[in-house]
Amino acid sequence: MKLNYMMDAEDVANELGISKGHAYKVIRLLNGELEKSGFIIVAGKVPRAFWEKKFYGYQTVQTA
């Protein structure tokens, strides 16, 4: 499985075990924080690196 740079609502929903609608709310919250910090955002997506930084205990396991 190849990991993309950006996570969409389906990725967020799967990771947290929530509905896709609630995942969009989480993405909006994270994107708001990025925007306040001066970053350019993409609606409906959040950078995986920022996701990993914000969620305690989250760690990506990459396979070769």
N, C-alpha and C. Protein backbone atom coordinates (compact mmCIF):
# COMPACT_ATOMS: atom_id res chain seq x y z
N MET A 1 0.83 -1.18 0.00
CA MET A 1 0.00 0.00 0.00
C MET A 1 0.87 1.24 0.00
N LYS A 2 0.70 2.09 -0.98
CA LYS A 2 1.47 3.33 -1.08
C LYS A 2 0.72 4.43 -0.34
N LEU A 3 1.45 5.15 0.50
CA LEU A 3 0.84 6.25 1.24
C LEU A 3 0.98 7.54 0.46
N ASN A 4 -0.12 8.25 0.31
CA ASN A 4 -0.10 9.54 -0.37
C ASN A 4 0.33 10.63 0.58
N TYR A 5 0.81 11.73 0.01
CA TYR A 5 1.21 12.89 0.80
C TYR A 5 0.02 13.50 1.54
N MET A 6 -1.14 13.51 0.86
CA MET A 6 -2.34 14.10 1.44
C MET A 6 -3.34 13.00 1.82
N MET A 7 -4.04 13.22 2.91
CA MET A 7 -5.11 12.32 3.34
C MET A 7 -6.44 12.97 3.02
N ASP A 8 -7.39 12.18 2.53
CA ASP A 8 -8.73 12.71 2.27
C ASP A 8 -9.68 12.22 3.36
N ALA A 9 -10.94 12.56 3.22
CA ALA A 9 -11.93 12.23 4.25
C ALA A 9 -12.07 10.72 4.46
N GLU A 10 -11.96 9.97 3.40
CA GLU A 10 -12.06 8.51 3.52
C GLU A 10 -10.90 7.95 4.35
N ASP A 11 -9.68 8.47 4.12
CA ASP A 11 -8.52 8.05 4.91
C ASP A 11 -8.70 8.39 6.38
N VAL A 12 -9.14 9.62 6.65
CA VAL A 12 -9.35 10.07 8.03
C VAL A 12 -10.42 9.23 8.70
N ALA A 13 -11.52 8.98 8.00
CA ALA A 13 -12.61 8.18 8.56
C ALA A 13 -12.14 6.78 8.91
N ASN A 14 -11.35 6.17 8.03
CA ASN A 14 -10.83 4.83 8.30
C ASN A 14 -9.87 4.81 9.49
N GLU A 15 -9.01 5.81 9.58
CA GLU A 15 -8.03 5.87 10.67
C GLU A 15 -8.70 6.05 12.04
N LEU A 16 -9.75 6.87 12.08
CA LEU A 16 -10.39 7.18 13.36
C LEU A 16 -11.63 6.35 13.63
N GLY A 17 -12.11 5.63 12.64
CA GLY A 17 -13.32 4.84 12.81
C GLY A 17 -14.56 5.70 12.97
N ILE A 18 -14.63 6.76 12.17
CA ILE A 18 -15.76 7.70 12.23
C ILE A 18 -16.41 7.79 10.85
N SER A 19 -17.52 8.50 10.78
CA SER A 19 -18.20 8.68 9.49
C SER A 19 -17.40 9.64 8.61
N LYS A 20 -17.67 9.56 7.33
CA LYS A 20 -16.99 10.44 6.38
C LYS A 20 -17.37 11.90 6.62
N GLY A 21 -18.63 12.14 7.00
CA GLY A 21 -19.07 13.51 7.29
C GLY A 21 -18.32 14.11 8.46
N HIS A 22 -18.11 13.31 9.50
CA HIS A 22 -17.37 13.81 10.66
C HIS A 22 -15.89 13.98 10.31
N ALA A 23 -15.38 13.13 9.43
CA ALA A 23 -13.99 13.25 8.99
C ALA A 23 -13.76 14.60 8.30
N TYR A 24 -14.74 15.06 7.53
CA TYR A 24 -14.62 16.38 6.89
C TYR A 24 -14.53 17.48 7.94
N LYS A 25 -15.25 17.35 9.04
CA LYS A 25 -15.17 18.35 10.12
C LYS A 25 -13.79 18.36 10.74
N VAL A 26 -13.21 17.19 10.93
CA VAL A 26 -11.85 17.09 11.49
C VAL A 26 -10.85 17.74 10.52
N ILE A 27 -11.00 17.46 9.24
CA ILE A 27 -10.11 18.04 8.23
C ILE A 27 -10.24 19.56 8.21
N ARG A 28 -11.47 20.06 8.30
CA ARG A 28 -11.68 21.53 8.34
C ARG A 28 -10.97 22.15 9.55
N LEU A 29 -11.05 21.48 10.68
CA LEU A 29 -10.39 21.97 11.89
C LEU A 29 -8.88 22.02 11.71
N LEU A 30 -8.32 20.94 11.19
CA LEU A 30 -6.87 20.89 10.97
C LEU A 30 -6.43 21.90 9.92
N ASN A 31 -7.21 22.03 8.84
CA ASN A 31 -6.86 23.00 7.80
C ASN A 31 -6.96 24.44 8.31
N GLY A 32 -7.90 24.70 9.20
CA GLY A 32 -8.00 26.03 9.80
C GLY A 32 -6.74 26.38 10.57
N GLU A 33 -6.22 25.39 11.29
CA GLU A 33 -4.99 25.60 12.04
C GLU A 33 -3.81 25.85 11.10
N LEU A 34 -3.74 25.09 10.02
CA LEU A 34 -2.67 25.30 9.04
C LEU A 34 -2.76 26.67 8.40
N GLU A 35 -3.98 27.08 8.06
CA GLU A 35 -4.19 28.37 7.40
C GLU A 35 -3.78 29.52 8.32
N LYS A 36 -4.10 29.42 9.60
CA LYS A 36 -3.71 30.46 10.56
C LYS A 36 -2.19 30.56 10.68
N SER A 37 -1.51 29.45 10.42
CA SER A 37 -0.05 29.44 10.48
C SER A 37 0.59 29.92 9.17
N GLY A 38 -0.26 30.24 8.19
CA GLY A 38 0.26 30.80 6.95
C GLY A 38 0.47 29.78 5.83
N PHE A 39 0.01 28.55 6.01
CA PHE A 39 0.19 27.55 4.98
C PHE A 39 -0.96 27.59 3.98
N ILE A 40 -0.68 27.17 2.78
CA ILE A 40 -1.71 27.01 1.75
C ILE A 40 -2.38 25.67 2.00
N ILE A 41 -3.70 25.65 1.94
CA ILE A 41 -4.43 24.42 2.22
C ILE A 41 -5.17 23.95 0.97
N VAL A 42 -5.53 22.68 0.98
CA VAL A 42 -6.36 22.09 -0.06
C VAL A 42 -7.63 21.61 0.64
N ALA A 43 -8.77 22.13 0.23
CA ALA A 43 -10.03 21.77 0.88
C ALA A 43 -10.28 20.27 0.75
N GLY A 44 -10.69 19.67 1.86
CA GLY A 44 -11.03 18.25 1.86
C GLY A 44 -9.85 17.32 2.00
N LYS A 45 -8.65 17.89 2.18
CA LYS A 45 -7.45 17.06 2.34
C LYS A 45 -6.55 17.70 3.40
N VAL A 46 -5.78 16.85 4.04
CA VAL A 46 -4.83 17.33 5.05
C VAL A 46 -3.50 16.60 4.83
N PRO A 47 -2.37 17.30 4.96
CA PRO A 47 -1.08 16.63 4.78
C PRO A 47 -0.87 15.53 5.83
N ARG A 48 -0.41 14.38 5.38
CA ARG A 48 -0.20 13.24 6.28
C ARG A 48 0.80 13.58 7.40
N ALA A 49 1.84 14.34 7.09
CA ALA A 49 2.84 14.71 8.10
C ALA A 49 2.20 15.53 9.22
N PHE A 50 1.30 16.45 8.87
CA PHE A 50 0.62 17.26 9.88
C PHE A 50 -0.32 16.38 10.69
N TRP A 51 -1.00 15.46 10.02
CA TRP A 51 -1.89 14.51 10.70
C TRP A 51 -1.12 13.73 11.76
N GLU A 52 0.03 13.19 11.39
CA GLU A 52 0.83 12.39 12.30
C GLU A 52 1.33 13.22 13.48
N LYS A 53 1.61 14.48 13.24
CA LYS A 53 2.09 15.37 14.29
C LYS A 53 0.98 15.70 15.29
N LYS A 54 -0.27 15.83 14.81
CA LYS A 54 -1.37 16.26 15.66
C LYS A 54 -2.02 15.13 16.46
N PHE A 55 -1.90 13.90 16.01
CA PHE A 55 -2.55 12.80 16.70
C PHE A 55 -1.54 12.00 17.51
N TYR A 56 -1.66 12.09 18.81
CA TYR A 56 -0.75 11.42 19.74
C TYR A 56 -0.77 9.91 19.52
N GLY A 57 0.40 9.32 19.43
CA GLY A 57 0.50 7.88 19.30
C GLY A 57 0.33 7.36 17.90
N TYR A 58 0.04 8.23 16.94
CA TYR A 58 -0.14 7.79 15.56
C TYR A 58 1.23 7.62 14.93
N GLN A 59 1.41 6.50 14.28
CA GLN A 59 2.68 6.25 13.63
C GLN A 59 2.44 5.48 12.35
N THR A 60 3.03 5.93 11.27
CA THR A 60 2.87 5.26 9.97
C THR A 60 3.89 4.14 9.88
N VAL A 61 3.42 2.98 9.49
CA VAL A 61 4.31 1.86 9.26
C VAL A 61 4.42 1.67 7.76
N GLN A 62 5.61 1.92 7.23
CA GLN A 62 5.81 1.79 5.79
C GLN A 62 6.49 0.46 5.50
N THR A 63 6.00 -0.19 4.46
CA THR A 63 6.63 -1.44 4.03
C THR A 63 7.33 -1.19 2.70
N ALA A 64 8.36 -1.95 2.46
CA ALA A 64 9.16 -1.76 1.25
C ALA A 64 8.45 -2.22 0.01
